[in-house]
Amino acid sequence: MAKHKFLARLIPPRPTFPHDASPEEIALMQEHFAYSQRQFDAGRVLAFGPVFAETGTYGVAIMDVDDVTEVHDFMSNDPSVLAGMNTYDVSPMRLAGSQPPRET
């Protein structure tokens, strides 16, 4: 069965986040990072990280899964979502090309 690609977007609690994050929010984001890293190491997440847009920072993950329910399972079990701090949305995508990470 072919895998499907999805773009998951982690939406922060306010446009100024993380610049004005409380210590509790920072701790949740550290849990979020560890959780995302485990999913990356397991091969479900192809890439992830923050996006620093002019309208505010948000997170993205590009996922390689059997179906969209895996993406919703991953996102809904994110510690920052479980705590009610962040929300998320999911969009299917077609990966037109990719490269392995480059040495910097």
PDB file of N, CA and C in Angstrom:
ATOM      1  N   MET A   1       0.838  -1.177   0.000  1.00  0.00           N
ATOM      2  CA  MET A   1       0.000   0.000   0.000  1.00  0.00           C
ATOM      3  C   MET A   1       0.892   1.252   0.000  1.00  0.00           C
ATOM      4  N   ALA A   2       0.587   2.182  -0.851  1.00  0.00           N
ATOM      5  CA  ALA A   2       1.372   3.409  -0.959  1.00  0.00           C
ATOM      6  C   ALA A   2       1.121   4.313   0.248  1.00  0.00           C
ATOM      7  N   LYS A   3       2.174   4.966   0.694  1.00  0.00           N
ATOM      8  CA  LYS A   3       2.059   5.931   1.782  1.00  0.00           C
ATOM      9  C   LYS A   3       1.526   7.247   1.230  1.00  0.00           C
ATOM     10  N   HIS A   4       0.962   8.052   2.112  1.00  0.00           N
ATOM     11  CA  HIS A   4       0.422   9.352   1.746  1.00  0.00           C
ATOM     12  C   HIS A   4       1.153  10.430   2.529  1.00  0.00           C
ATOM     13  N   LYS A   5       1.290  11.594   1.912  1.00  0.00           N
ATOM     14  CA  LYS A   5       1.974  12.718   2.541  1.00  0.00           C
ATOM     15  C   LYS A   5       0.952  13.742   3.011  1.00  0.00           C
ATOM     16  N   PHE A   6       1.226  14.291   4.175  1.00  0.00           N
ATOM     17  CA  PHE A   6       0.369  15.322   4.756  1.00  0.00           C
ATOM     18  C   PHE A   6       1.235  16.401   5.370  1.00  0.00           C
ATOM     19  N   LEU A   7       0.718  17.631   5.332  1.00  0.00           N
ATOM     20  CA  LEU A   7       1.328  18.750   6.016  1.00  0.00           C
ATOM     21  C   LEU A   7       0.469  19.031   7.237  1.00  0.00           C
ATOM     22  N   ALA A   8       1.078  18.903   8.400  1.00  0.00           N
ATOM     23  CA  ALA A   8       0.380  19.215   9.643  1.00  0.00           C
ATOM     24  C   ALA A   8       0.942  20.533  10.172  1.00  0.00           C
ATOM     25  N   ARG A   9       0.036  21.416  10.574  1.00  0.00           N
ATOM     26  CA  ARG A   9       0.453  22.727  11.070  1.00  0.00           C
ATOM     27  C   ARG A   9       0.033  22.850  12.530  1.00  0.00           C
ATOM     28  N   LEU A  10       1.003  23.144  13.394  1.00  0.00           N
ATOM     29  CA  LEU A  10       0.750  23.358  14.814  1.00  0.00           C
ATOM     30  C   LEU A  10       0.519  24.848  15.023  1.00  0.00           C
ATOM     31  N   ILE A  11      -0.660  25.194  15.504  1.00  0.00           N
ATOM     32  CA  ILE A  11      -1.073  26.589  15.628  1.00  0.00           C
ATOM     33  C   ILE A  11      -0.924  27.019  17.091  1.00  0.00           C
ATOM     34  N   PRO A  12      -0.097  28.047  17.339  1.00  0.00           N
ATOM     35  CA  PRO A  12       0.160  28.472  18.712  1.00  0.00           C
ATOM     36  C   PRO A  12      -1.018  29.235  19.320  1.00  0.00           C
ATOM     37  N   PRO A  13      -0.951  29.492  20.615  1.00  0.00           N
ATOM     38  CA  PRO A  13      -2.068  30.142  21.298  1.00  0.00           C
ATOM     39  C   PRO A  13      -2.251  31.620  20.962  1.00  0.00           C
ATOM     40  N   ARG A  14      -1.210  32.272  20.402  1.00  0.00           N
ATOM     41  CA  ARG A  14      -1.306  33.698  20.070  1.00  0.00           C
ATOM     42  C   ARG A  14      -0.216  34.047  19.063  1.00  0.00           C
ATOM     43  N   PRO A  15      -0.391  35.114  18.293  1.00  0.00           N
ATOM     44  CA  PRO A  15       0.584  35.476  17.251  1.00  0.00           C
ATOM     45  C   PRO A  15       1.976  35.801  17.791  1.00  0.00           C
ATOM     46  N   THR A  16       2.069  36.236  19.025  1.00  0.00           N
ATOM     47  CA  THR A  16       3.361  36.628  19.604  1.00  0.00           C
ATOM     48  C   THR A  16       4.148  35.448  20.176  1.00  0.00           C
ATOM     49  N   PHE A  17       3.544  34.285  20.176  1.00  0.00           N
ATOM     50  CA  PHE A  17       4.203  33.075  20.681  1.00  0.00           C
ATOM     51  C   PHE A  17       5.279  32.637  19.696  1.00  0.00           C
ATOM     52  N   PRO A  18       6.438  32.226  20.092  1.00  0.00           N
ATOM     53  CA  PRO A  18       6.932  31.886  21.417  1.00  0.00           C
ATOM     54  C   PRO A  18       7.683  33.013  22.119  1.00  0.00           C
ATOM     55  N   HIS A  19       7.684  34.205  21.540  1.00  0.00           N
ATOM     56  CA  HIS A  19       8.484  35.302  22.093  1.00  0.00           C
ATOM     57  C   HIS A  19       8.058  35.709  23.494  1.00  0.00           C
ATOM     58  N   ASP A  20       6.808  35.455  23.840  1.00  0.00           N
ATOM     59  CA  ASP A  20       6.321  35.821  25.169  1.00  0.00           C
ATOM     60  C   ASP A  20       5.827  34.590  25.938  1.00  0.00           C
ATOM     61  N   ALA A  21       6.446  33.444  25.646  1.00  0.00           N
ATOM     62  CA  ALA A  21       6.029  32.187  26.276  1.00  0.00           C
ATOM     63  C   ALA A  21       6.364  32.184  27.771  1.00  0.00           C
ATOM     64  N   SER A  22       5.450  31.656  28.555  1.00  0.00           N
ATOM     65  CA  SER A  22       5.669  31.494  29.990  1.00  0.00           C
ATOM     66  C   SER A  22       6.571  30.280  30.229  1.00  0.00           C
ATOM     67  N   PRO A  23       7.127  30.148  31.411  1.00  0.00           N
ATOM     68  CA  PRO A  23       7.925  28.950  31.705  1.00  0.00           C
ATOM     69  C   PRO A  23       7.144  27.650  31.496  1.00  0.00           C
ATOM     70  N   GLU A  24       5.854  27.659  31.820  1.00  0.00           N
ATOM     71  CA  GLU A  24       5.027  26.461  31.628  1.00  0.00           C
ATOM     72  C   GLU A  24       4.875  26.148  30.138  1.00  0.00           C
ATOM     73  N   GLU A  25       4.690  27.186  29.329  1.00  0.00           N
ATOM     74  CA  GLU A  25       4.567  26.989  27.887  1.00  0.00           C
ATOM     75  C   GLU A  25       5.882  26.504  27.277  1.00  0.00           C
ATOM     76  N   ILE A  26       6.981  27.024  27.755  1.00  0.00           N
ATOM     77  CA  ILE A  26       8.293  26.568  27.278  1.00  0.00           C
ATOM     78  C   ILE A  26       8.482  25.094  27.605  1.00  0.00           C
ATOM     79  N   ALA A  27       8.092  24.689  28.813  1.00  0.00           N
ATOM     80  CA  ALA A  27       8.205  23.277  29.199  1.00  0.00           C
ATOM     81  C   ALA A  27       7.340  22.400  28.295  1.00  0.00           C
ATOM     82  N   LEU A  28       6.133  22.849  27.968  1.00  0.00           N
ATOM     83  CA  LEU A  28       5.264  22.092  27.054  1.00  0.00           C
ATOM     84  C   LEU A  28       5.883  21.985  25.673  1.00  0.00           C
ATOM     85  N   MET A  29       6.508  23.059  25.204  1.00  0.00           N
ATOM     86  CA  MET A  29       7.136  23.015  23.885  1.00  0.00           C
ATOM     87  C   MET A  29       8.359  22.098  23.882  1.00  0.00           C
ATOM     88  N   GLN A  30       9.050  21.977  24.989  1.00  0.00           N
ATOM     89  CA  GLN A  30      10.148  21.010  25.077  1.00  0.00           C
ATOM     90  C   GLN A  30       9.603  19.587  24.990  1.00  0.00           C
ATOM     91  N   GLU A  31       8.462  19.338  25.631  1.00  0.00           N
ATOM     92  CA  GLU A  31       7.809  18.028  25.514  1.00  0.00           C
ATOM     93  C   GLU A  31       7.359  17.793  24.070  1.00  0.00           C
ATOM     94  N   HIS A  32       6.814  18.836  23.441  1.00  0.00           N
ATOM     95  CA  HIS A  32       6.397  18.756  22.041  1.00  0.00           C
ATOM     96  C   HIS A  32       7.577  18.364  21.150  1.00  0.00           C
ATOM     97  N   PHE A  33       8.716  19.012  21.355  1.00  0.00           N
ATOM     98  CA  PHE A  33       9.886  18.704  20.532  1.00  0.00           C
ATOM     99  C   PHE A  33      10.322  17.252  20.723  1.00  0.00           C
ATOM    100  N   ALA A  34      10.402  16.783  21.960  1.00  0.00           N
ATOM    101  CA  ALA A  34      10.807  15.396  22.221  1.00  0.00           C
ATOM    102  C   ALA A  34       9.826  14.418  21.573  1.00  0.00           C
ATOM    103  N   TYR A  35       8.543  14.703  21.668  1.00  0.00           N
ATOM    104  CA  TYR A  35       7.509  13.871  21.054  1.00  0.00           C
ATOM    105  C   TYR A  35       7.682  13.838  19.537  1.00  0.00           C
ATOM    106  N   SER A  36       7.874  15.003  18.933  1.00  0.00           N
ATOM    107  CA  SER A  36       8.053  15.081  17.476  1.00  0.00           C
ATOM    108  C   SER A  36       9.319  14.360  17.040  1.00  0.00           C
ATOM    109  N   GLN A  37      10.381  14.487  17.811  1.00  0.00           N
ATOM    110  CA  GLN A  37      11.643  13.824  17.482  1.00  0.00           C
ATOM    111  C   GLN A  37      11.476  12.309  17.497  1.00  0.00           C
ATOM    112  N   ARG A  38      10.730  11.786  18.451  1.00  0.00           N
ATOM    113  CA  ARG A  38      10.486  10.331  18.495  1.00  0.00           C
ATOM    114  C   ARG A  38       9.737   9.869  17.247  1.00  0.00           C
ATOM    115  N   GLN A  39       8.748  10.652  16.802  1.00  0.00           N
ATOM    116  CA  GLN A  39       8.002  10.298  15.592  1.00  0.00           C
ATOM    117  C   GLN A  39       8.887  10.409  14.347  1.00  0.00           C
ATOM    118  N   PHE A  40       9.770  11.393  14.340  1.00  0.00           N
ATOM    119  CA  PHE A  40      10.743  11.543  13.249  1.00  0.00           C
ATOM    120  C   PHE A  40      11.665  10.325  13.212  1.00  0.00           C
ATOM    121  N   ASP A  41      12.196   9.950  14.369  1.00  0.00           N
ATOM    122  CA  ASP A  41      13.097   8.798  14.453  1.00  0.00           C
ATOM    123  C   ASP A  41      12.413   7.511  14.017  1.00  0.00           C
ATOM    124  N   ALA A  42      11.093   7.429  14.221  1.00  0.00           N
ATOM    125  CA  ALA A  42      10.326   6.247  13.821  1.00  0.00           C
ATOM    126  C   ALA A  42       9.982   6.252  12.333  1.00  0.00           C
ATOM    127  N   GLY A  43      10.266   7.375  11.635  1.00  0.00           N
ATOM    128  CA  GLY A  43      10.029   7.434  10.202  1.00  0.00           C
ATOM    129  C   GLY A  43       8.666   7.947   9.781  1.00  0.00           C
ATOM    130  N   ARG A  44       7.813   8.314  10.738  1.00  0.00           N
ATOM    131  CA  ARG A  44       6.481   8.829  10.389  1.00  0.00           C
ATOM    132  C   ARG A  44       6.533  10.286   9.953  1.00  0.00           C
ATOM    133  N   VAL A  45       7.499  11.022  10.483  1.00  0.00           N
ATOM    134  CA  VAL A  45       7.640  12.436  10.160  1.00  0.00           C
ATOM    135  C   VAL A  45       8.876  12.593   9.280  1.00  0.00           C
ATOM    136  N   LEU A  46       8.694  13.184   8.098  1.00  0.00           N
ATOM    137  CA  LEU A  46       9.816  13.394   7.176  1.00  0.00           C
ATOM    138  C   LEU A  46      10.616  14.635   7.533  1.00  0.00           C
ATOM    139  N   ALA A  47       9.928  15.671   8.001  1.00  0.00           N
ATOM    140  CA  ALA A  47      10.571  16.932   8.379  1.00  0.00           C
ATOM    141  C   ALA A  47       9.644  17.647   9.345  1.00  0.00           C
ATOM    142  N   PHE A  48      10.242  18.420  10.268  1.00  0.00           N
ATOM    143  CA  PHE A  48       9.419  19.208  11.173  1.00  0.00           C
ATOM    144  C   PHE A  48      10.227  20.383  11.704  1.00  0.00           C
ATOM    145  N   GLY A  49       9.495  21.406  12.137  1.00  0.00           N
ATOM    146  CA  GLY A  49      10.156  22.555  12.734  1.00  0.00           C
ATOM    147  C   GLY A  49       9.284  23.786  12.684  1.00  0.00           C
ATOM    148  N   PRO A  50       9.782  24.866  13.292  1.00  0.00           N
ATOM    149  CA  PRO A  50       9.012  26.114  13.310  1.00  0.00           C
ATOM    150  C   PRO A  50       9.157  26.890  12.007  1.00  0.00           C
ATOM    151  N   VAL A  51       8.123  27.643  11.699  1.00  0.00           N
ATOM    152  CA  VAL A  51       8.111  28.561  10.556  1.00  0.00           C
ATOM    153  C   VAL A  51       7.965  29.964  11.138  1.00  0.00           C
ATOM    154  N   PHE A  52       8.868  30.853  10.763  1.00  0.00           N
ATOM    155  CA  PHE A  52       8.876  32.213  11.300  1.00  0.00           C
ATOM    156  C   PHE A  52       8.257  33.174  10.282  1.00  0.00           C
ATOM    157  N   ALA A  53       6.946  33.129  10.162  1.00  0.00           N
ATOM    158  CA  ALA A  53       6.214  33.962   9.206  1.00  0.00           C
ATOM    159  C   ALA A  53       6.017  35.366   9.784  1.00  0.00           C
ATOM    160  N   GLU A  54       5.797  36.314   8.898  1.00  0.00           N
ATOM    161  CA  GLU A  54       5.557  37.692   9.345  1.00  0.00           C
ATOM    162  C   GLU A  54       4.323  37.797  10.233  1.00  0.00           C
ATOM    163  N   THR A  55       3.358  36.928  10.014  1.00  0.00           N
ATOM    164  CA  THR A  55       2.117  36.963  10.796  1.00  0.00           C
ATOM    165  C   THR A  55       2.226  36.202  12.117  1.00  0.00           C
ATOM    166  N   GLY A  56       3.334  35.536  12.350  1.00  0.00           N
ATOM    167  CA  GLY A  56       3.542  34.798  13.589  1.00  0.00           C
ATOM    168  C   GLY A  56       4.163  33.437  13.320  1.00  0.00           C
ATOM    169  N   THR A  57       4.759  32.907  14.339  1.00  0.00           N
ATOM    170  CA  THR A  57       5.414  31.610  14.252  1.00  0.00           C
ATOM    171  C   THR A  57       4.383  30.487  14.381  1.00  0.00           C
ATOM    172  N   TYR A  58       4.591  29.415  13.622  1.00  0.00           N
ATOM    173  CA  TYR A  58       3.786  28.203  13.758  1.00  0.00           C
ATOM    174  C   TYR A  58       4.684  27.021  13.429  1.00  0.00           C
ATOM    175  N   GLY A  59       4.249  25.829  13.768  1.00  0.00           N
ATOM    176  CA  GLY A  59       5.042  24.633  13.504  1.00  0.00           C
ATOM    177  C   GLY A  59       4.490  23.857  12.334  1.00  0.00           C
ATOM    178  N   VAL A  60       5.381  23.131  11.649  1.00  0.00           N
ATOM    179  CA  VAL A  60       4.936  22.242  10.578  1.00  0.00           C
ATOM    180  C   VAL A  60       5.609  20.881  10.726  1.00  0.00           C
ATOM    181  N   ALA A  61       4.906  19.888  10.248  1.00  0.00           N
ATOM    182  CA  ALA A  61       5.450  18.542  10.112  1.00  0.00           C
ATOM    183  C   ALA A  61       4.965  17.998   8.780  1.00  0.00           C
ATOM    184  N   ILE A  62       5.868  17.440   8.019  1.00  0.00           N
ATOM    185  CA  ILE A  62       5.502  16.728   6.800  1.00  0.00           C
ATOM    186  C   ILE A  62       5.553  15.257   7.155  1.00  0.00           C
ATOM    187  N   MET A  63       4.412  14.596   6.979  1.00  0.00           N
ATOM    188  CA  MET A  63       4.287  13.215   7.434  1.00  0.00           C
ATOM    189  C   MET A  63       4.095  12.248   6.276  1.00  0.00           C
ATOM    190  N   ASP A  64       4.594  11.039   6.466  1.00  0.00           N
ATOM    191  CA  ASP A  64       4.527   9.949   5.498  1.00  0.00           C
ATOM    192  C   ASP A  64       3.821   8.785   6.193  1.00  0.00           C
ATOM    193  N   VAL A  65       2.513   8.640   5.937  1.00  0.00           N
ATOM    194  CA  VAL A  65       1.692   7.689   6.685  1.00  0.00           C
ATOM    195  C   VAL A  65       0.732   6.937   5.762  1.00  0.00           C
ATOM    196  N   ASP A  66       0.094   5.915   6.311  1.00  0.00           N
ATOM    197  CA  ASP A  66      -0.864   5.134   5.528  1.00  0.00           C
ATOM    198  C   ASP A  66      -2.151   5.908   5.238  1.00  0.00           C
ATOM    199  N   ASP A  67      -2.636   6.689   6.223  1.00  0.00           N
ATOM    200  CA  ASP A  67      -3.841   7.487   5.992  1.00  0.00           C
ATOM    201  C   ASP A  67      -3.898   8.643   6.984  1.00  0.00           C
ATOM    202  N   VAL A  68      -4.840   9.533   6.763  1.00  0.00           N
ATOM    203  CA  VAL A  68      -4.932  10.773   7.534  1.00  0.00           C
ATOM    204  C   VAL A  68      -5.211  10.515   9.014  1.00  0.00           C
ATOM    205  N   THR A  69      -5.807   9.377   9.350  1.00  0.00           N
ATOM    206  CA  THR A  69      -6.071   9.114  10.768  1.00  0.00           C
ATOM    207  C   THR A  69      -4.772   9.049  11.568  1.00  0.00           C
ATOM    208  N   GLU A  70      -3.680   8.600  10.957  1.00  0.00           N
ATOM    209  CA  GLU A  70      -2.392   8.583  11.651  1.00  0.00           C
ATOM    210  C   GLU A  70      -1.908   9.998  11.958  1.00  0.00           C
ATOM    211  N   VAL A  71      -2.173  10.919  11.050  1.00  0.00           N
ATOM    212  CA  VAL A  71      -1.769  12.311  11.273  1.00  0.00           C
ATOM    213  C   VAL A  71      -2.574  12.897  12.423  1.00  0.00           C
ATOM    214  N   HIS A  72      -3.883  12.678  12.409  1.00  0.00           N
ATOM    215  CA  HIS A  72      -4.713  13.198  13.502  1.00  0.00           C
ATOM    216  C   HIS A  72      -4.331  12.551  14.830  1.00  0.00           C
ATOM    217  N   ASP A  73      -3.967  11.272  14.812  1.00  0.00           N
ATOM    218  CA  ASP A  73      -3.516  10.603  16.030  1.00  0.00           C
ATOM    219  C   ASP A  73      -2.229  11.252  16.534  1.00  0.00           C
ATOM    220  N   PHE A  74      -1.283  11.480  15.644  1.00  0.00           N
ATOM    221  CA  PHE A  74      -0.016  12.120  16.005  1.00  0.00           C
ATOM    222  C   PHE A  74      -0.262  13.514  16.575  1.00  0.00           C
ATOM    223  N   MET A  75      -1.035  14.319  15.874  1.00  0.00           N
ATOM    224  CA  MET A  75      -1.236  15.710  16.300  1.00  0.00           C
ATOM    225  C   MET A  75      -2.084  15.802  17.572  1.00  0.00           C
ATOM    226  N   SER A  76      -3.135  15.021  17.673  1.00  0.00           N
ATOM    227  CA  SER A  76      -4.009  15.122  18.849  1.00  0.00           C
ATOM    228  C   SER A  76      -3.334  14.615  20.115  1.00  0.00           C
ATOM    229  N   ASN A  77      -2.279  13.798  19.981  1.00  0.00           N
ATOM    230  CA  ASN A  77      -1.551  13.300  21.135  1.00  0.00           C
ATOM    231  C   ASN A  77      -0.281  14.091  21.435  1.00  0.00           C
ATOM    232  N   ASP A  78      -0.054  15.160  20.692  1.00  0.00           N
ATOM    233  CA  ASP A  78       1.062  16.055  20.982  1.00  0.00           C
ATOM    234  C   ASP A  78       0.835  16.653  22.374  1.00  0.00           C
ATOM    235  N   PRO A  79       1.846  16.662  23.234  1.00  0.00           N
ATOM    236  CA  PRO A  79       1.658  17.200  24.588  1.00  0.00           C
ATOM    237  C   PRO A  79       1.105  18.624  24.620  1.00  0.00           C
ATOM    238  N   SER A  80       1.506  19.464  23.675  1.00  0.00           N
ATOM    239  CA  SER A  80       1.025  20.848  23.680  1.00  0.00           C
ATOM    240  C   SER A  80      -0.443  20.943  23.265  1.00  0.00           C
ATOM    241  N   VAL A  81      -0.912  20.001  22.464  1.00  0.00           N
ATOM    242  CA  VAL A  81      -2.326  19.950  22.072  1.00  0.00           C
ATOM    243  C   VAL A  81      -3.145  19.338  23.211  1.00  0.00           C
ATOM    244  N   LEU A  82      -2.635  18.254  23.799  1.00  0.00           N
ATOM    245  CA  LEU A  82      -3.336  17.630  24.924  1.00  0.00           C
ATOM    246  C   LEU A  82      -3.545  18.610  26.068  1.00  0.00           C
ATOM    247  N   ALA A  83      -2.574  19.504  26.285  1.00  0.00           N
ATOM    248  CA  ALA A  83      -2.677  20.492  27.358  1.00  0.00           C
ATOM    249  C   ALA A  83      -3.599  21.647  26.999  1.00  0.00           C
ATOM    250  N   GLY A  84      -4.064  21.711  25.747  1.00  0.00           N
ATOM    251  CA  GLY A  84      -4.961  22.772  25.326  1.00  0.00           C
ATOM    252  C   GLY A  84      -4.255  24.064  24.933  1.00  0.00           C
ATOM    253  N   MET A  85      -2.932  24.040  24.840  1.00  0.00           N
ATOM    254  CA  MET A  85      -2.199  25.249  24.483  1.00  0.00           C
ATOM    255  C   MET A  85      -2.238  25.494  22.975  1.00  0.00           C
ATOM    256  N   ASN A  86      -1.925  24.486  22.189  1.00  0.00           N
ATOM    257  CA  ASN A  86      -1.877  24.602  20.728  1.00  0.00           C
ATOM    258  C   ASN A  86      -3.039  23.849  20.103  1.00  0.00           C
ATOM    259  N   THR A  87      -3.364  24.231  18.872  1.00  0.00           N
ATOM    260  CA  THR A  87      -4.302  23.491  18.038  1.00  0.00           C
ATOM    261  C   THR A  87      -3.558  23.107  16.758  1.00  0.00           C
ATOM    262  N   TYR A  88      -4.246  22.460  15.842  1.00  0.00           N
ATOM    263  CA  TYR A  88      -3.586  22.036  14.606  1.00  0.00           C
ATOM    264  C   TYR A  88      -4.567  21.955  13.461  1.00  0.00           C
ATOM    265  N   ASP A  89      -4.003  21.949  12.250  1.00  0.00           N
ATOM    266  CA  ASP A  89      -4.777  21.591  11.072  1.00  0.00           C
ATOM    267  C   ASP A  89      -3.911  20.702  10.185  1.00  0.00           C
ATOM    268  N   VAL A  90      -4.565  19.996   9.285  1.00  0.00           N
ATOM    269  CA  VAL A  90      -3.898  19.000   8.448  1.00  0.00           C
ATOM    270  C   VAL A  90      -4.349  19.174   7.005  1.00  0.00           C
ATOM    271  N   SER A  91      -3.388  19.093   6.080  1.00  0.00           N
ATOM    272  CA  SER A  91      -3.698  19.171   4.650  1.00  0.00           C
ATOM    273  C   SER A  91      -2.942  18.071   3.909  1.00  0.00           C
ATOM    274  N   PRO A  92      -3.605  17.391   2.971  1.00  0.00           N
ATOM    275  CA  PRO A  92      -2.874  16.428   2.141  1.00  0.00           C
ATOM    276  C   PRO A  92      -1.917  17.188   1.226  1.00  0.00           C
ATOM    277  N   MET A  93      -0.834  16.542   0.855  1.00  0.00           N
ATOM    278  CA  MET A  93       0.099  17.175  -0.070  1.00  0.00           C
ATOM    279  C   MET A  93       0.690  16.128  -0.989  1.00  0.00           C
ATOM    280  N   ARG A  94       1.174  16.584  -2.097  1.00  0.00           N
ATOM    281  CA  ARG A  94       1.892  15.723  -3.028  1.00  0.00           C
ATOM    282  C   ARG A  94       3.345  16.166  -2.982  1.00  0.00           C
ATOM    283  N   LEU A  95       4.209  15.271  -2.601  1.00  0.00           N
ATOM    284  CA  LEU A  95       5.635  15.570  -2.530  1.00  0.00           C
ATOM    285  C   LEU A  95       6.203  15.463  -3.929  1.00  0.00           C
ATOM    286  N   ALA A  96       6.560  16.600  -4.510  1.00  0.00           N
ATOM    287  CA  ALA A  96       7.066  16.636  -5.883  1.00  0.00           C
ATOM    288  C   ALA A  96       8.548  16.287  -5.964  1.00  0.00           C
ATOM    289  N   GLY A  97       9.242  16.447  -4.873  1.00  0.00           N
ATOM    290  CA  GLY A  97      10.667  16.122  -4.849  1.00  0.00           C
ATOM    291  C   GLY A  97      11.204  16.298  -3.434  1.00  0.00           C
ATOM    292  N   SER A  98      12.277  15.634  -3.160  1.00  0.00           N
ATOM    293  CA  SER A  98      12.941  15.793  -1.869  1.00  0.00           C
ATOM    294  C   SER A  98      14.398  15.403  -2.005  1.00  0.00           C
ATOM    295  N   GLN A  99      15.161  15.856  -1.055  1.00  0.00           N
ATOM    296  CA  GLN A  99      16.590  15.532  -1.031  1.00  0.00           C
ATOM    297  C   GLN A  99      16.951  15.079   0.375  1.00  0.00           C
ATOM    298  N   PRO A 100      17.991  14.299   0.495  1.00  0.00           N
ATOM    299  CA  PRO A 100      18.460  13.968   1.841  1.00  0.00           C
ATOM    300  C   PRO A 100      19.064  15.217   2.478  1.00  0.00           C
ATOM    301  N   PRO A 101      19.103  15.270   3.806  1.00  0.00           N
ATOM    302  CA  PRO A 101      19.702  16.431   4.458  1.00  0.00           C
ATOM    303  C   PRO A 101      21.148  16.654   4.007  1.00  0.00           C
ATOM    304  N   ARG A 102      21.523  17.907   3.897  1.00  0.00           N
ATOM    305  CA  ARG A 102      22.886  18.261   3.482  1.00  0.00           C
ATOM    306  C   ARG A 102      23.733  18.586   4.695  1.00  0.00           C
ATOM    307  N   GLU A 103      24.997  18.283   4.612  1.00  0.00           N
ATOM    308  CA  GLU A 103      25.932  18.660   5.670  1.00  0.00           C
ATOM    309  C   GLU A 103      26.133  20.169   5.607  1.00  0.00           C
ATOM    310  N   THR A 104      26.129  20.823   6.757  1.00  0.00           N
ATOM    311  CA  THR A 104      26.337  22.279   6.791  1.00  0.00           C
ATOM    312  C   THR A 104      27.641  22.621   7.459  1.00  0.00           C
TER     313      THR A 104
END
